[in-house]
N, C-alpha and C. Protein backbone atom coordinates (compact mmCIF):
# COMPACT_ATOMS: atom_id res chain seq x y z
N MET A 1 34.16 53.99 55.89
CA MET A 1 33.45 54.87 54.98
C MET A 1 34.41 55.92 54.45
N ALA A 2 34.34 56.21 53.19
CA ALA A 2 35.22 57.20 52.57
C ALA A 2 34.86 58.59 53.06
N ASP A 3 35.87 59.42 53.18
CA ASP A 3 35.63 60.78 53.64
C ASP A 3 35.51 61.77 52.49
N HIS A 4 35.42 61.26 51.28
CA HIS A 4 35.23 62.13 50.12
C HIS A 4 34.48 61.36 49.02
N LEU A 5 34.00 62.12 48.11
CA LEU A 5 33.26 61.56 46.97
C LEU A 5 33.99 61.95 45.71
N HIS A 6 34.29 60.97 44.88
CA HIS A 6 34.93 61.26 43.60
C HIS A 6 34.02 60.78 42.48
N VAL A 7 33.71 61.68 41.60
CA VAL A 7 32.89 61.35 40.44
C VAL A 7 33.69 61.71 39.20
N ASP A 8 33.85 60.76 38.32
CA ASP A 8 34.58 60.99 37.08
C ASP A 8 33.57 61.29 35.96
N PRO A 9 33.51 62.55 35.52
CA PRO A 9 32.54 62.91 34.47
C PRO A 9 32.71 62.09 33.19
N GLU A 10 33.93 61.68 32.89
CA GLU A 10 34.14 60.87 31.68
C GLU A 10 33.48 59.49 31.83
N GLN A 11 33.55 58.92 33.03
CA GLN A 11 32.89 57.63 33.25
C GLN A 11 31.37 57.77 33.18
N ILE A 12 30.87 58.86 33.73
CA ILE A 12 29.42 59.08 33.67
C ILE A 12 28.98 59.25 32.22
N GLU A 13 29.74 60.00 31.44
CA GLU A 13 29.37 60.18 30.04
C GLU A 13 29.51 58.88 29.27
N ALA A 14 30.46 58.04 29.65
CA ALA A 14 30.59 56.72 29.01
C ALA A 14 29.35 55.87 29.29
N ILE A 15 28.82 55.96 30.50
CA ILE A 15 27.59 55.25 30.84
C ILE A 15 26.44 55.78 29.97
N ALA A 16 26.34 57.10 29.88
CA ALA A 16 25.29 57.71 29.05
C ALA A 16 25.42 57.27 27.60
N ALA A 17 26.65 57.22 27.11
CA ALA A 17 26.87 56.82 25.72
C ALA A 17 26.45 55.37 25.49
N ARG A 18 26.72 54.50 26.45
CA ARG A 18 26.30 53.10 26.31
C ARG A 18 24.77 52.99 26.32
N LEU A 19 24.14 53.74 27.21
CA LEU A 19 22.67 53.74 27.24
C LEU A 19 22.10 54.25 25.92
N ARG A 20 22.67 55.36 25.43
CA ARG A 20 22.21 55.96 24.17
C ARG A 20 22.42 54.98 23.01
N GLY A 21 23.58 54.37 22.96
CA GLY A 21 23.87 53.41 21.89
C GLY A 21 22.95 52.21 21.91
N SER A 22 22.67 51.71 23.11
CA SER A 22 21.75 50.57 23.23
C SER A 22 20.35 50.97 22.79
N GLY A 23 19.93 52.16 23.18
CA GLY A 23 18.61 52.65 22.75
C GLY A 23 18.53 52.79 21.24
N ASP A 24 19.60 53.32 20.66
CA ASP A 24 19.63 53.48 19.20
C ASP A 24 19.62 52.12 18.50
N ASP A 25 20.37 51.16 19.06
CA ASP A 25 20.40 49.82 18.47
C ASP A 25 19.01 49.18 18.49
N LEU A 26 18.32 49.33 19.62
CA LEU A 26 16.96 48.78 19.69
C LEU A 26 16.02 49.48 18.70
N ALA A 27 16.16 50.79 18.59
CA ALA A 27 15.31 51.53 17.65
C ALA A 27 15.55 51.05 16.23
N SER A 28 16.81 50.78 15.89
CA SER A 28 17.10 50.36 14.52
C SER A 28 16.56 48.95 14.24
N THR A 29 16.50 48.11 15.25
CA THR A 29 15.96 46.76 15.02
C THR A 29 14.45 46.80 14.86
N THR A 30 13.79 47.73 15.54
CA THR A 30 12.32 47.79 15.42
C THR A 30 11.90 48.41 14.10
N ALA A 31 12.78 49.20 13.49
CA ALA A 31 12.44 49.81 12.21
C ALA A 31 12.31 48.75 11.11
N GLY A 32 13.04 47.67 11.24
CA GLY A 32 13.01 46.61 10.24
C GLY A 32 12.29 45.38 10.75
N ALA A 33 11.21 45.59 11.47
CA ALA A 33 10.48 44.45 12.03
C ALA A 33 10.03 43.51 10.92
N PRO A 34 10.15 42.23 11.18
CA PRO A 34 9.79 41.26 10.14
C PRO A 34 8.28 41.21 9.91
N ALA A 35 7.93 40.84 8.71
CA ALA A 35 6.51 40.61 8.39
C ALA A 35 6.07 39.32 9.08
N ALA A 36 4.81 39.19 9.26
CA ALA A 36 4.30 37.98 9.89
C ALA A 36 4.64 36.76 9.02
N PRO A 37 5.19 35.74 9.65
CA PRO A 37 5.53 34.54 8.89
C PRO A 37 4.27 33.71 8.60
N ASP A 38 4.39 32.85 7.65
CA ASP A 38 3.29 31.92 7.39
C ASP A 38 3.41 30.80 8.41
N ALA A 39 2.59 30.87 9.42
CA ALA A 39 2.63 29.87 10.50
C ALA A 39 1.33 29.07 10.54
N GLY A 40 0.70 28.97 9.37
CA GLY A 40 -0.53 28.19 9.30
C GLY A 40 -1.61 28.77 10.19
N ASP A 41 -2.23 27.92 10.97
CA ASP A 41 -3.31 28.36 11.85
C ASP A 41 -2.83 29.34 12.92
N ALA A 42 -1.54 29.33 13.21
CA ALA A 42 -0.99 30.18 14.27
C ALA A 42 -0.46 31.51 13.73
N THR A 43 -0.68 31.79 12.45
CA THR A 43 -0.14 33.02 11.86
C THR A 43 -0.57 34.26 12.63
N ALA A 44 -1.83 34.38 12.95
CA ALA A 44 -2.31 35.56 13.67
C ALA A 44 -1.68 35.65 15.06
N LEU A 45 -1.54 34.53 15.71
CA LEU A 45 -0.93 34.50 17.04
C LEU A 45 0.54 34.92 16.97
N VAL A 46 1.28 34.38 16.02
CA VAL A 46 2.69 34.73 15.86
C VAL A 46 2.84 36.19 15.45
N ALA A 47 1.99 36.67 14.57
CA ALA A 47 2.04 38.07 14.15
C ALA A 47 1.78 39.00 15.34
N GLY A 48 0.82 38.65 16.17
CA GLY A 48 0.53 39.44 17.37
C GLY A 48 1.70 39.47 18.33
N ALA A 49 2.34 38.32 18.50
CA ALA A 49 3.50 38.24 19.39
C ALA A 49 4.65 39.10 18.85
N LEU A 50 4.88 39.03 17.54
CA LEU A 50 5.93 39.86 16.93
C LEU A 50 5.63 41.35 17.08
N GLU A 51 4.37 41.69 16.91
CA GLU A 51 3.96 43.09 17.05
C GLU A 51 4.21 43.59 18.47
N ARG A 52 3.83 42.78 19.46
CA ARG A 52 4.05 43.18 20.86
C ARG A 52 5.54 43.24 21.19
N LEU A 53 6.30 42.30 20.68
CA LEU A 53 7.74 42.30 20.92
C LEU A 53 8.39 43.54 20.31
N THR A 54 7.99 43.89 19.10
CA THR A 54 8.53 45.08 18.44
C THR A 54 8.15 46.34 19.19
N ALA A 55 6.91 46.43 19.64
CA ALA A 55 6.47 47.61 20.40
C ALA A 55 7.22 47.71 21.72
N SER A 56 7.43 46.59 22.39
CA SER A 56 8.17 46.59 23.65
C SER A 56 9.62 47.01 23.44
N ALA A 57 10.22 46.53 22.38
CA ALA A 57 11.61 46.91 22.08
C ALA A 57 11.71 48.41 21.80
N ALA A 58 10.73 48.95 21.09
CA ALA A 58 10.73 50.38 20.80
C ALA A 58 10.59 51.19 22.09
N THR A 59 9.72 50.73 22.99
CA THR A 59 9.54 51.41 24.27
C THR A 59 10.81 51.34 25.11
N LEU A 60 11.44 50.19 25.13
CA LEU A 60 12.69 50.03 25.86
C LEU A 60 13.78 50.93 25.27
N GLY A 61 13.86 50.99 23.94
CA GLY A 61 14.84 51.85 23.29
C GLY A 61 14.65 53.31 23.66
N ALA A 62 13.40 53.75 23.65
CA ALA A 62 13.11 55.13 24.02
C ALA A 62 13.46 55.38 25.48
N GLY A 63 13.19 54.42 26.33
CA GLY A 63 13.54 54.55 27.74
C GLY A 63 15.03 54.64 27.97
N LEU A 64 15.79 53.85 27.22
CA LEU A 64 17.24 53.90 27.33
C LEU A 64 17.79 55.25 26.87
N ARG A 65 17.22 55.78 25.80
CA ARG A 65 17.68 57.10 25.32
C ARG A 65 17.32 58.19 26.33
N GLU A 66 16.15 58.09 26.94
CA GLU A 66 15.76 59.05 27.98
C GLU A 66 16.69 58.94 29.19
N ALA A 67 17.01 57.72 29.58
CA ALA A 67 17.93 57.52 30.70
C ALA A 67 19.29 58.14 30.38
N ALA A 68 19.75 57.96 29.14
CA ALA A 68 21.03 58.54 28.72
C ALA A 68 21.00 60.06 28.84
N ALA A 69 19.91 60.66 28.41
CA ALA A 69 19.80 62.12 28.50
C ALA A 69 19.82 62.58 29.95
N ARG A 70 19.16 61.84 30.83
CA ARG A 70 19.13 62.22 32.24
C ARG A 70 20.49 62.02 32.91
N VAL A 71 21.18 60.95 32.55
CA VAL A 71 22.52 60.72 33.10
C VAL A 71 23.46 61.84 32.65
N SER A 72 23.39 62.22 31.38
CA SER A 72 24.23 63.32 30.88
C SER A 72 23.91 64.63 31.60
N GLU A 73 22.64 64.90 31.80
CA GLU A 73 22.24 66.13 32.50
C GLU A 73 22.71 66.09 33.95
N ALA A 74 22.58 64.95 34.62
CA ALA A 74 23.04 64.84 36.00
C ALA A 74 24.55 65.07 36.08
N SER A 75 25.28 64.56 35.12
CA SER A 75 26.73 64.76 35.08
C SER A 75 27.07 66.23 34.92
N ARG A 76 26.34 66.90 34.03
CA ARG A 76 26.59 68.33 33.80
C ARG A 76 26.29 69.13 35.06
N VAL A 77 25.17 68.85 35.70
CA VAL A 77 24.79 69.57 36.92
C VAL A 77 25.80 69.29 38.04
N TYR A 78 26.20 68.03 38.19
CA TYR A 78 27.17 67.69 39.22
C TYR A 78 28.47 68.46 39.00
N ALA A 79 28.97 68.45 37.78
CA ALA A 79 30.24 69.14 37.49
C ALA A 79 30.12 70.63 37.78
N SER A 80 29.01 71.22 37.43
CA SER A 80 28.80 72.64 37.67
C SER A 80 28.73 72.94 39.17
N GLU A 81 27.96 72.15 39.89
CA GLU A 81 27.84 72.34 41.34
C GLU A 81 29.17 72.09 42.04
N ASP A 82 29.89 71.08 41.61
CA ASP A 82 31.18 70.76 42.21
C ASP A 82 32.18 71.90 41.99
N ALA A 83 32.19 72.45 40.80
CA ALA A 83 33.09 73.57 40.51
C ALA A 83 32.72 74.78 41.36
N GLY A 84 31.42 75.04 41.50
CA GLY A 84 30.97 76.15 42.33
C GLY A 84 31.37 75.96 43.79
N ALA A 85 31.21 74.76 44.30
CA ALA A 85 31.60 74.47 45.69
C ALA A 85 33.09 74.63 45.87
N ALA A 86 33.87 74.19 44.89
CA ALA A 86 35.32 74.33 44.98
C ALA A 86 35.72 75.79 45.02
N ARG A 87 35.05 76.61 44.22
CA ARG A 87 35.35 78.05 44.23
C ARG A 87 35.00 78.66 45.59
N ARG A 88 33.86 78.27 46.12
CA ARG A 88 33.44 78.83 47.42
C ARG A 88 34.41 78.40 48.53
N ILE A 89 34.79 77.15 48.52
CA ILE A 89 35.71 76.65 49.53
C ILE A 89 37.07 77.34 49.40
N GLY A 90 37.48 77.54 48.15
CA GLY A 90 38.77 78.19 47.90
C GLY A 90 38.74 79.70 48.07
N GLY A 91 37.57 80.25 48.36
CA GLY A 91 37.46 81.68 48.57
C GLY A 91 37.35 82.49 47.31
N ALA A 92 37.11 81.84 46.18
CA ALA A 92 37.01 82.56 44.91
C ALA A 92 35.68 83.27 44.78
N ASP A 93 34.68 82.86 45.54
CA ASP A 93 33.35 83.52 45.48
C ASP A 93 33.16 84.45 46.65
């Protein structure tokens, strides 16, 4: 077991950026949702499936953006707490 913990804030922010980017990508795809295709007797069924798929993608996109915000906040709090602990250990406080 390691006797220390190392957290790289740049890596954490890179994770947040990927989550944010994925959420944004999903949001952009749901904005241009296709119209219901002419599927004959199944048109209503296909339209309903597309509507549910679009709504699910929008929900997932929002969830990814929320996760990104929380990861960024956790990184900020960690860095602040770590700096405070370092000052206390070093006798600066």
